[in-house]
Amino acid sequence: MCGVIGIHAPGQQAAGLAALGLFALQHRGQESAGLAVSDGDGVMLYRDLGMVSQVLDERRLPSLQGHLSIAHCRYSTTGSTLWENSGPAFRMGPRRSVAVSHNGNLVNTRELLELLPGGRERLNGSTDTELLTALLAEEPAEDLVAALLAVLPRVRGAYALVVMDDQRVIGVRDPFGFRPLVLGRLPEGGWCLSSETAGLDILGAEVVREIEPGEMVVLGEPGGPRSIRMAEGREHLCVFELIYFARPDSYMMGRNLYEVRRRMGEALAREAPVAADLVMPVPDTGAPAAAGFAEQSGIPYREGMVKNRYAGRTFIQPSQALRQRGVTVKLSPLREQVRGRRLIVVDDSIVRGTTTKQIVALLRRAGAQEVHLRISAPPIFHPCFYGIDTQIETELIAASHSVDEIREFVGADSLAYLSIGGVLDGLQLPRDRFCFACFDGNYPVPVPYDATSHKFVLEDQPVSLPS
């Protein structure tokens, strides 16, 4: 997850543009937010715990002057939710000052730590991003581009980066392209980078193209963006970006994500029909698939729950206690729609199962006669090491329970998942362009399944892993 923004806007205040772009990416991370800015003569940083609107408000932005900026909203996959771990990461080194916003997760963090003189004691926080930033700041290369070309070949895992010094903003995607990054042209001149096209739309920017896997794009030089082939790319975009993570109005691989998800709902209706009175989504992420299911099945579509728009995304809360509390805060049933009816409830995924269990109980209390769950993704059997906070199998209900056992646990009358073939029907793209590791266990980048890949590898916390 995480959202990243990069701005090069000569003659404009880049901090305001970066903050505005980050608002459109708030769904990607809700733990902290921040930005770095430069006027060409030094980098200034402001970051804090909280939502974008809380951290980057009108009181802060006027003091952040300059035409270069990067921004970040955090969803933690390495390191705890602490102020020290908020982004962007920043480092003043002997050769350069560098700020980094990172979407993804590295799998060789302990190996990289051995490359930093002084090791863990040299870091203020405990994220893989800060470690990477420290290595870039201290790399004995002539400039930031050369430092990136020296350091990144030693990095393994998922990274979509926006990096800046006092002169340039640079966007980079890892050779597998696990996480998205897109280039846009600002309406009043200049260039921008964003995790999603939604971050460009809010700026009125023209979408130019996606950054390619293994590509580096440098902004801030004469002649416009400069492309550098850092490594040979083999695209494996995380398929969950299209199923759940990204906004439905965003485009990836030339596909509008609302349409992708609607087609997945159609495929789900073909694969797992059931007699019912209404099709309803779990708001908001289940809505496109529920619409497709209703269209294909001919069963009426209705809203059965109201979402509190000021509550965050439950799945990306940093602890299980907060996830459980978040369900009751953010969802309320529409009793007149639900009472006495057989419901098909469409959601995008079941990860841990506890949220789904509470939703089913909520609908039962509202008077639902039957609750049939339909999930527009396959069961998640395997942990993700490339940017999702599920790094041990014990967090994944499908890894240890059958479909019927999950149905019984959540309290539904029936439960069915979309097949991988159904997902591909929605994508209308070849399977080999995506990472399906959480579904099929095929990891494009080998992962050492021990403490070196654990979330708290840079912290003094005990690690509990399955044998």
Protein backbone atom coordinates (compact mmCIF):
# COMPACT_ATOMS: atom_id res chain seq x y z
CA MET A 1 0.00 0.00 0.00
CA CYS A 2 1.23 3.53 0.87
CA GLY A 3 0.68 6.50 -1.40
CA VAL A 4 3.50 8.50 -2.97
CA ILE A 5 3.53 11.78 -4.88
CA GLY A 6 6.35 13.66 -6.63
CA ILE A 7 6.17 17.21 -8.01
CA HIS A 8 8.46 19.31 -10.22
CA ALA A 9 6.62 22.59 -10.82
CA PRO A 10 8.85 25.56 -11.79
CA GLY A 11 7.39 28.86 -10.58
CA GLN A 12 4.76 27.13 -8.44
CA GLN A 13 4.47 26.08 -4.81
CA ALA A 14 4.98 22.35 -5.03
CA ALA A 15 4.02 21.58 -1.43
CA GLY A 16 0.38 22.52 -2.01
CA LEU A 17 0.24 20.42 -5.15
CA ALA A 18 1.84 17.44 -3.40
CA ALA A 19 -0.58 17.69 -0.47
CA LEU A 20 -3.56 17.89 -2.83
CA GLY A 21 -2.37 14.86 -4.77
CA LEU A 22 -1.89 12.97 -1.52
CA PHE A 23 -5.54 13.61 -0.54
CA ALA A 24 -6.54 11.46 -3.51
CA LEU A 25 -4.28 8.66 -2.21
CA GLN A 26 -5.46 8.72 1.42
CA HIS A 27 -7.04 5.27 0.98
CA ARG A 28 -3.55 3.81 0.52
CA GLY A 29 -2.32 4.66 4.02
CA GLN A 30 -3.83 6.26 7.11
CA GLU A 31 -1.16 6.02 9.79
CA SER A 32 0.92 9.07 8.93
CA ALA A 33 1.51 11.67 6.25
CA GLY A 34 4.20 14.14 5.28
CA LEU A 35 6.12 15.89 2.55
CA ALA A 36 9.56 17.18 1.68
CA VAL A 37 10.08 20.38 -0.32
CA SER A 38 13.01 22.19 -1.92
CA ASP A 39 13.52 25.61 -3.50
CA GLY A 40 16.77 24.45 -5.08
CA ASP A 41 18.85 25.30 -2.04
CA GLY A 42 18.17 22.67 0.61
CA VAL A 43 15.40 20.26 1.58
CA MET A 44 12.74 20.96 4.22
CA LEU A 45 10.63 18.18 5.74
CA TYR A 46 7.34 18.04 7.63
CA ARG A 47 5.61 14.82 8.69
CA ASP A 48 3.44 13.51 11.52
CA LEU A 49 1.11 10.73 12.59
CA GLY A 50 -2.44 11.15 11.33
CA MET A 51 -4.48 11.61 8.16
CA VAL A 52 -3.41 13.90 5.33
CA SER A 53 -5.96 16.57 6.33
CA GLN A 54 -4.65 16.56 9.90
CA VAL A 55 -0.96 16.74 9.04
CA LEU A 56 -0.77 18.85 5.88
CA ASP A 57 -3.28 21.56 6.69
CA GLU A 58 -3.42 25.22 5.71
CA ARG A 59 -1.35 26.23 8.73
CA ARG A 60 1.63 24.13 7.66
CA LEU A 61 1.79 24.50 3.91
CA PRO A 62 2.65 28.23 3.59
CA SER A 63 5.95 27.68 5.38
CA LEU A 64 6.97 24.87 2.99
CA GLN A 65 8.33 26.85 0.05
CA GLY A 66 9.79 25.48 -3.16
CA HIS A 67 9.11 24.10 -6.62
CA LEU A 68 10.13 20.52 -5.83
CA SER A 69 8.24 18.22 -3.48
CA ILE A 70 7.56 14.60 -2.62
CA ALA A 71 4.82 13.33 -0.30
CA HIS A 72 3.85 10.10 1.43
CA CYS A 73 0.94 8.55 3.33
CA ARG A 74 1.88 5.44 5.27
CA TYR A 75 0.53 1.94 5.65
CA SER A 76 3.11 0.08 7.71
CA THR A 77 4.72 -3.13 6.48
CA THR A 78 8.13 -2.68 8.15
CA GLY A 79 8.31 -0.97 11.54
CA SER A 80 5.75 0.12 14.11
CA THR A 81 3.37 3.06 13.88
CA LEU A 82 5.70 5.68 15.36
CA TRP A 83 6.48 9.29 14.46
CA GLU A 84 10.04 8.22 13.62
CA ASN A 85 8.65 5.87 10.99
CA SER A 86 6.44 8.39 9.20
CA GLY A 87 7.38 9.45 5.70
CA PRO A 88 9.03 10.75 3.69
CA ALA A 89 12.27 9.48 5.19
CA PHE A 90 15.05 12.08 5.22
CA ARG A 91 18.79 11.91 5.64
CA MET A 92 21.62 14.44 5.57
CA GLY A 93 24.71 12.58 4.46
CA PRO A 94 28.32 13.54 3.80
CA ARG A 95 27.67 13.87 0.06
CA ARG A 96 23.98 14.78 -0.23
CA SER A 97 20.67 15.30 1.51
CA VAL A 98 18.00 12.92 0.28
CA ALA A 99 14.29 12.34 0.99
CA VAL A 100 12.48 9.14 0.00
CA SER A 101 8.82 8.14 -0.23
CA HIS A 102 8.41 4.39 -0.70
CA ASN A 103 5.47 2.17 -1.58
CA GLY A 104 6.33 -1.49 -1.19
CA ASN A 105 8.40 -3.72 1.06
CA LEU A 106 11.98 -4.99 0.86
CA VAL A 107 12.78 -8.64 1.55
CA ASN A 108 16.55 -8.37 2.18
CA THR A 109 16.44 -5.68 4.87
CA ARG A 110 18.89 -7.44 7.21
CA GLU A 111 21.35 -7.91 4.36
CA LEU A 112 21.09 -4.22 3.48
CA LEU A 113 21.60 -3.25 7.12
CA GLU A 114 25.04 -4.86 6.98
CA LEU A 115 26.00 -2.39 4.23
CA LEU A 116 25.35 0.65 6.46
CA PRO A 117 28.39 1.70 8.51
CA GLY A 118 27.33 1.60 12.16
CA GLY A 119 24.32 -0.58 11.40
CA ARG A 120 21.11 -0.23 13.39
CA GLU A 121 22.58 2.44 15.66
CA ARG A 122 22.70 4.84 12.71
CA LEU A 123 18.91 4.73 12.23
CA ASN A 124 16.40 6.82 14.14
CA GLY A 125 13.41 4.78 12.99
CA SER A 126 12.87 1.15 12.05
CA THR A 127 11.63 1.09 8.45
CA ASP A 128 13.22 -0.35 5.35
CA THR A 129 12.64 3.08 3.78
CA GLU A 130 14.85 4.83 6.30
CA LEU A 131 17.57 2.24 5.81
CA LEU A 132 17.41 2.74 2.04
CA THR A 133 17.52 6.53 2.51
CA ALA A 134 20.62 6.25 4.71
CA LEU A 135 22.37 4.09 2.11
CA LEU A 136 21.58 6.62 -0.62
CA ALA A 137 22.78 9.56 1.48
CA GLU A 138 26.12 7.89 2.26
CA GLU A 139 26.78 6.25 -1.11
CA PRO A 140 30.08 7.65 -2.51
CA ALA A 141 28.66 8.58 -5.91
CA GLU A 142 28.78 11.89 -7.72
CA ASP A 143 25.04 12.62 -7.53
CA LEU A 144 21.69 11.15 -6.52
CA VAL A 145 21.10 9.42 -9.85
CA ALA A 146 24.46 7.68 -9.60
CA ALA A 147 23.73 6.77 -5.96
CA LEU A 148 20.44 5.15 -6.96
CA LEU A 149 22.14 3.22 -9.75
CA ALA A 150 24.73 1.98 -7.25
CA VAL A 151 22.39 1.06 -4.38
CA LEU A 152 19.22 -0.28 -6.02
CA PRO A 153 20.82 -3.31 -7.75
CA ARG A 154 21.52 -4.60 -4.22
CA VAL A 155 17.89 -4.16 -3.15
CA ARG A 156 15.39 -7.02 -3.43
CA GLY A 157 11.65 -6.79 -3.07
CA ALA A 158 8.94 -4.30 -3.99
CA TYR A 159 9.52 -0.58 -4.35
CA ALA A 160 7.87 2.28 -6.15
CA LEU A 161 9.95 5.26 -5.04
CA VAL A 162 9.85 9.02 -5.37
CA VAL A 163 13.21 10.41 -4.29
CA MET A 164 14.48 13.98 -4.11
CA ASP A 165 17.49 16.10 -3.32
CA ASP A 166 17.56 19.88 -3.56
CA GLN A 167 17.64 19.83 -7.38
CA ARG A 168 15.59 16.92 -8.72
CA VAL A 169 12.68 14.56 -8.13
CA ILE A 170 13.18 10.97 -9.30
CA GLY A 171 10.66 8.16 -9.72
CA VAL A 172 11.70 4.48 -9.73
CA ARG A 173 9.92 1.14 -10.00
CA ASP A 174 11.52 -2.18 -9.08
CA PRO A 175 12.31 -4.62 -11.90
CA PHE A 176 9.12 -6.60 -11.26
CA GLY A 177 6.85 -3.58 -11.07
CA PHE A 178 5.04 -4.92 -7.99
CA ARG A 179 3.70 -1.47 -7.07
CA PRO A 180 2.33 1.16 -9.47
CA LEU A 181 3.76 4.56 -10.38
CA VAL A 182 2.50 6.92 -13.09
CA LEU A 183 3.87 10.06 -14.74
CA GLY A 184 1.75 13.14 -15.43
CA ARG A 185 2.09 16.64 -16.90
CA LEU A 186 0.84 19.55 -14.77
CA PRO A 187 -1.55 22.02 -16.44
CA GLU A 188 0.56 25.10 -15.61
CA GLY A 189 3.86 23.49 -16.52
CA GLY A 190 5.94 20.90 -14.77
CA TRP A 191 5.65 17.20 -14.06
CA CYS A 192 4.28 14.91 -11.39
CA LEU A 193 4.46 11.31 -10.20
CA SER A 194 1.73 9.43 -8.37
CA SER A 195 0.91 5.93 -7.16
CA GLU A 196 -2.36 6.15 -9.08
CA THR A 197 -3.92 8.20 -11.84
CA ALA A 198 -6.43 9.47 -9.23
CA GLY A 199 -3.56 11.48 -7.71
CA LEU A 200 -2.99 13.15 -11.08
CA ASP A 201 -6.68 13.76 -11.79
CA ILE A 202 -7.13 15.87 -8.66
CA LEU A 203 -4.28 18.11 -9.89
CA GLY A 204 -5.81 18.47 -13.35
CA ALA A 205 -2.70 16.76 -14.71
CA GLU A 206 -2.54 14.90 -18.00
CA VAL A 207 -1.69 11.23 -17.58
CA VAL A 208 1.40 10.61 -19.72
CA ARG A 209 2.26 6.97 -18.99
CA GLU A 210 3.08 4.41 -16.34
CA ILE A 211 6.69 4.18 -15.21
CA GLU A 212 7.98 0.85 -16.48
CA PRO A 213 9.38 -1.90 -14.25
CA GLY A 214 13.11 -1.34 -13.82
CA GLU A 215 12.86 2.27 -15.01
CA MET A 216 14.03 5.50 -13.39
CA VAL A 217 12.55 8.86 -14.48
CA VAL A 218 14.35 12.07 -13.52
CA LEU A 219 12.39 15.33 -13.20
CA GLY A 220 13.99 18.75 -12.90
CA GLU A 221 16.52 18.66 -15.72
CA PRO A 222 16.44 20.73 -18.94
CA GLY A 223 14.50 19.05 -21.69
CA GLY A 224 11.84 17.41 -19.54
CA PRO A 225 11.77 13.96 -17.92
CA ARG A 226 14.81 11.77 -18.53
CA SER A 227 14.32 8.01 -18.59
CA ILE A 228 17.06 5.66 -17.40
CA ARG A 229 16.84 1.89 -17.72
CA MET A 230 18.00 0.75 -14.29
CA ALA A 231 17.35 -2.97 -14.81
CA GLU A 232 15.63 -5.34 -17.20
CA GLY A 233 11.97 -5.30 -16.26
CA ARG A 234 9.54 -8.23 -15.97
CA GLU A 235 6.15 -6.89 -14.99
CA HIS A 236 4.37 -8.57 -12.04
CA LEU A 237 1.99 -5.89 -10.78
CA CYS A 238 0.23 -6.90 -7.56
CA VAL A 239 -3.18 -8.15 -8.68
CA PHE A 240 -4.71 -6.85 -5.44
CA GLU A 241 -4.08 -3.32 -6.71
CA LEU A 242 -6.81 -3.97 -9.26
CA ILE A 243 -9.05 -6.06 -6.98
CA TYR A 244 -9.01 -3.81 -3.90
CA PHE A 245 -6.23 -1.34 -3.16
CA ALA A 246 -6.50 1.34 -5.82
CA ARG A 247 -9.43 3.70 -6.27
CA PRO A 248 -12.08 2.52 -8.76
CA ASP A 249 -11.65 5.71 -10.82
CA SER A 250 -7.94 4.99 -11.33
CA TYR A 251 -6.49 3.36 -14.44
CA MET A 252 -3.79 0.67 -14.43
CA MET A 253 -2.42 -1.15 -17.46
CA GLY A 254 -4.91 0.76 -19.56
CA ARG A 255 -7.85 -0.61 -17.57
CA ASN A 256 -10.39 1.40 -15.59
CA LEU A 257 -10.57 -0.35 -12.23
CA TYR A 258 -14.30 0.09 -11.76
CA GLU A 259 -14.88 -1.82 -14.98
CA VAL A 260 -12.35 -4.50 -13.99
CA ARG A 261 -14.14 -5.05 -10.69
CA ARG A 262 -17.59 -4.98 -12.30
CA ARG A 263 -16.51 -7.72 -14.72
CA MET A 264 -15.19 -9.76 -11.78
CA GLY A 265 -18.65 -9.49 -10.23
CA GLU A 266 -20.19 -10.79 -13.44
CA ALA A 267 -17.79 -13.74 -13.42
CA LEU A 268 -18.62 -14.41 -9.76
CA ALA A 269 -22.35 -14.55 -10.56
CA ARG A 270 -21.66 -17.08 -13.31
CA GLU A 271 -19.47 -19.22 -11.05
CA ALA A 272 -21.53 -19.10 -7.83
CA PRO A 273 -25.23 -18.34 -8.42
CA VAL A 274 -27.69 -18.47 -5.51
CA ALA A 275 -31.38 -17.69 -5.07
CA ALA A 276 -31.85 -14.40 -3.24
CA ASP A 277 -33.91 -11.23 -3.07
CA LEU A 278 -31.17 -8.58 -3.20
CA VAL A 279 -27.52 -8.13 -4.11
CA MET A 280 -25.70 -5.66 -1.85
CA PRO A 281 -22.06 -4.61 -1.48
CA VAL A 282 -19.88 -4.23 1.54
CA PRO A 283 -19.21 -0.51 1.10
CA ASP A 284 -17.32 0.86 -0.62
CA THR A 285 -14.87 -1.58 -2.14
CA GLY A 286 -17.45 -4.28 -2.88
CA ALA A 287 -19.72 -1.98 -4.89
CA PRO A 288 -18.39 -2.47 -8.45
CA ALA A 289 -18.36 -6.28 -8.13
CA ALA A 290 -21.83 -6.24 -6.55
CA ALA A 291 -23.12 -4.19 -9.50
CA GLY A 292 -21.66 -6.73 -11.92
CA PHE A 293 -23.12 -9.64 -9.93
CA ALA A 294 -26.58 -8.03 -9.99
CA GLU A 295 -26.40 -7.33 -13.74
CA GLN A 296 -25.35 -10.88 -14.54
CA SER A 297 -27.80 -12.58 -12.16
CA GLY A 298 -30.80 -10.33 -12.74
CA ILE A 299 -31.26 -9.96 -8.96
CA PRO A 300 -31.92 -6.35 -7.86
CA TYR A 301 -29.02 -4.31 -6.50
CA ARG A 302 -29.59 -2.34 -3.30
CA GLU A 303 -27.47 -0.64 -0.69
CA GLY A 304 -27.86 -2.58 2.55
CA MET A 305 -25.36 -0.75 4.71
CA VAL A 306 -24.37 2.87 5.14
CA LYS A 307 -20.73 3.73 5.59
CA ASN A 308 -19.47 6.50 7.83
CA ARG A 309 -17.30 8.36 5.31
CA TYR A 310 -15.04 9.64 8.06
CA ALA A 311 -14.00 6.18 9.21
CA GLY A 312 -10.83 4.67 7.75
CA ARG A 313 -10.40 1.44 5.80
CA THR A 314 -10.71 -1.37 8.34
CA PHE A 315 -8.28 -3.76 6.65
CA ILE A 316 -5.34 -1.35 6.84
CA GLN A 317 -5.66 -0.47 10.52
CA PRO A 318 -2.34 -1.30 12.20
CA SER A 319 -3.74 -3.63 14.89
CA GLN A 320 -6.46 -6.26 15.17
CA ALA A 321 -8.16 -4.40 18.04
CA LEU A 322 -8.51 -1.29 15.90
CA ARG A 323 -9.76 -3.33 12.95
CA GLN A 324 -12.52 -4.86 15.10
CA ARG A 325 -13.55 -1.53 16.57
CA GLY A 326 -13.52 0.06 13.11
CA VAL A 327 -16.31 -2.17 11.76
CA THR A 328 -18.88 -0.97 14.29
CA VAL A 329 -17.81 2.63 13.81
CA LYS A 330 -17.99 2.69 10.04
CA LEU A 331 -20.98 0.51 9.04
CA SER A 332 -24.67 0.74 9.87
CA PRO A 333 -27.42 -1.46 8.33
CA LEU A 334 -30.36 -0.12 6.35
CA ARG A 335 -32.95 -2.13 8.24
CA GLU A 336 -35.85 -1.61 5.84
CA GLN A 337 -33.76 -2.99 2.98
CA VAL A 338 -32.38 -5.92 4.96
CA ARG A 339 -35.25 -7.13 7.14
CA GLY A 340 -36.84 -10.41 6.06
CA ARG A 341 -34.78 -10.69 2.87
CA ARG A 342 -32.31 -13.17 1.43
CA LEU A 343 -29.14 -11.21 0.79
CA ILE A 344 -26.18 -11.77 -1.50
CA VAL A 345 -23.40 -9.75 0.13
CA VAL A 346 -20.44 -9.05 -2.17
CA ASP A 347 -17.01 -8.11 -0.83
CA ASP A 348 -13.56 -8.00 -2.42
CA SER A 349 -11.71 -10.31 -0.02
CA ILE A 350 -11.60 -12.13 3.29
CA VAL A 351 -8.21 -11.82 4.95
CA ARG A 352 -8.47 -12.55 8.67
CA GLY A 353 -12.24 -13.19 8.76
CA THR A 354 -13.05 -11.14 11.85
CA THR A 355 -14.35 -8.13 9.93
CA THR A 356 -16.58 -10.34 7.76
CA LYS A 357 -17.94 -12.10 10.85
CA GLN A 358 -18.99 -8.77 12.35
CA ILE A 359 -20.66 -7.69 9.10
CA VAL A 360 -22.72 -10.88 8.93
CA ALA A 361 -23.74 -10.46 12.59
CA LEU A 362 -24.70 -6.83 11.87
CA LEU A 363 -27.03 -7.93 9.06
CA ARG A 364 -28.51 -10.74 11.16
CA ARG A 365 -29.37 -8.29 13.92
CA ALA A 366 -31.01 -6.06 11.32
CA GLY A 367 -33.35 -8.91 10.40
CA ALA A 368 -31.77 -10.54 7.33
CA GLN A 369 -33.40 -13.89 6.58
CA GLU A 370 -30.32 -15.31 4.81
CA VAL A 371 -26.79 -13.99 4.19
CA HIS A 372 -24.90 -15.43 1.21
CA LEU A 373 -21.33 -14.17 0.95
CA ARG A 374 -19.72 -13.81 -2.46
CA ILE A 375 -16.06 -12.76 -2.61
CA SER A 376 -14.67 -11.25 -5.82
CA ALA A 377 -11.17 -12.69 -5.25
CA PRO A 378 -9.81 -16.18 -4.56
CA PRO A 379 -9.00 -17.33 -1.00
CA ILE A 380 -5.79 -15.80 0.35
CA PHE A 381 -3.64 -18.77 1.31
CA HIS A 382 -0.19 -17.18 1.47
CA PRO A 383 1.36 -14.11 3.14
CA CYS A 384 2.53 -11.11 1.17
CA PHE A 385 6.09 -9.82 1.48
CA TYR A 386 5.80 -7.10 -1.16
CA GLY A 387 3.76 -4.42 0.55
CA ILE A 388 0.78 -5.88 2.44
CA ASP A 389 0.84 -6.35 6.19
CA THR A 390 0.16 -10.13 6.13
CA GLN A 391 3.56 -11.68 6.69
CA ILE A 392 2.67 -14.84 8.59
CA GLU A 393 0.12 -17.50 7.62
CA THR A 394 -1.54 -17.45 11.04
CA GLU A 395 -3.12 -14.10 10.06
CA LEU A 396 -4.85 -15.67 7.04
CA ILE A 397 -8.01 -17.64 7.76
CA ALA A 398 -7.94 -19.49 4.42
CA ALA A 399 -4.47 -20.88 5.19
CA SER A 400 -5.88 -23.09 7.96
CA HIS A 401 -9.62 -23.39 7.24
CA SER A 402 -11.71 -24.85 4.44
CA VAL A 403 -14.32 -22.72 2.69
CA ASP A 404 -17.07 -24.38 4.71
CA GLU A 405 -15.16 -23.82 7.96
CA ILE A 406 -14.78 -20.14 7.05
CA ARG A 407 -18.50 -19.95 6.24
CA GLU A 408 -19.29 -21.41 9.65
CA PHE A 409 -16.87 -19.04 11.42
CA VAL A 410 -18.34 -15.91 9.82
CA GLY A 411 -21.92 -17.13 10.25
CA ALA A 412 -23.04 -17.01 6.60
CA ASP A 413 -25.59 -19.29 4.95
CA SER A 414 -23.26 -19.83 1.99
CA LEU A 415 -19.83 -18.63 0.89
CA ALA A 416 -18.12 -18.68 -2.49
CA TYR A 417 -14.92 -17.12 -3.82
CA LEU A 418 -14.07 -16.05 -7.36
CA SER A 419 -11.60 -18.33 -9.13
CA ILE A 420 -8.29 -17.13 -10.55
CA GLY A 421 -9.84 -17.70 -13.97
CA GLY A 422 -12.67 -15.36 -13.01
CA VAL A 423 -10.17 -12.72 -11.93
CA LEU A 424 -8.49 -13.01 -15.33
CA ASP A 425 -11.89 -12.60 -17.00
CA GLY A 426 -12.16 -9.26 -15.24
CA LEU A 427 -8.59 -8.19 -15.98
CA GLN A 428 -8.67 -9.19 -19.66
CA LEU A 429 -4.87 -9.37 -19.48
CA PRO A 430 -2.40 -12.30 -19.32
CA ARG A 431 -1.78 -13.89 -15.94
CA ASP A 432 2.00 -13.60 -16.26
CA ARG A 433 1.78 -9.78 -16.02
CA PHE A 434 0.65 -9.99 -12.39
CA CYS A 435 1.80 -11.25 -9.01
CA PHE A 436 -0.71 -13.82 -7.67
CA ALA A 437 1.57 -14.98 -4.82
CA CYS A 438 -1.03 -14.49 -2.07
CA PHE A 439 -3.33 -16.86 -3.98
CA ASP A 440 -0.95 -19.43 -5.49
CA GLY A 441 2.28 -19.14 -3.46
CA ASN A 442 4.48 -18.39 -6.47
CA TYR A 443 6.73 -15.54 -5.31
CA PRO A 444 8.52 -13.77 -8.20
CA VAL A 445 11.29 -12.63 -5.83
CA PRO A 446 12.46 -15.39 -3.43
CA VAL A 447 11.67 -14.57 0.19
CA PRO A 448 13.68 -15.87 3.17
CA TYR A 449 10.90 -17.14 5.43
CA ASP A 450 12.45 -16.20 8.73
CA ALA A 451 12.87 -13.12 10.90
CA THR A 452 14.70 -11.24 8.15
CA SER A 453 11.41 -10.76 6.31
CA HIS A 454 9.35 -9.96 9.40
CA LYS A 455 7.71 -6.58 9.94
CA PHE A 456 9.82 -5.80 13.01
CA VAL A 457 13.19 -6.85 11.63
CA LEU A 458 14.70 -3.47 12.62
CA GLU A 459 13.13 -3.45 16.08
CA ASP A 460 13.88 -5.24 19.31
CA GLN A 461 10.58 -7.11 19.32
CA PRO A 462 10.20 -10.88 19.59
CA VAL A 463 9.39 -12.68 16.36
CA SER A 464 6.92 -15.59 16.27
CA LEU A 465 6.88 -17.52 13.01
CA PRO A 466 5.30 -20.86 12.05
CA SER A 467 7.59 -23.88 12.01
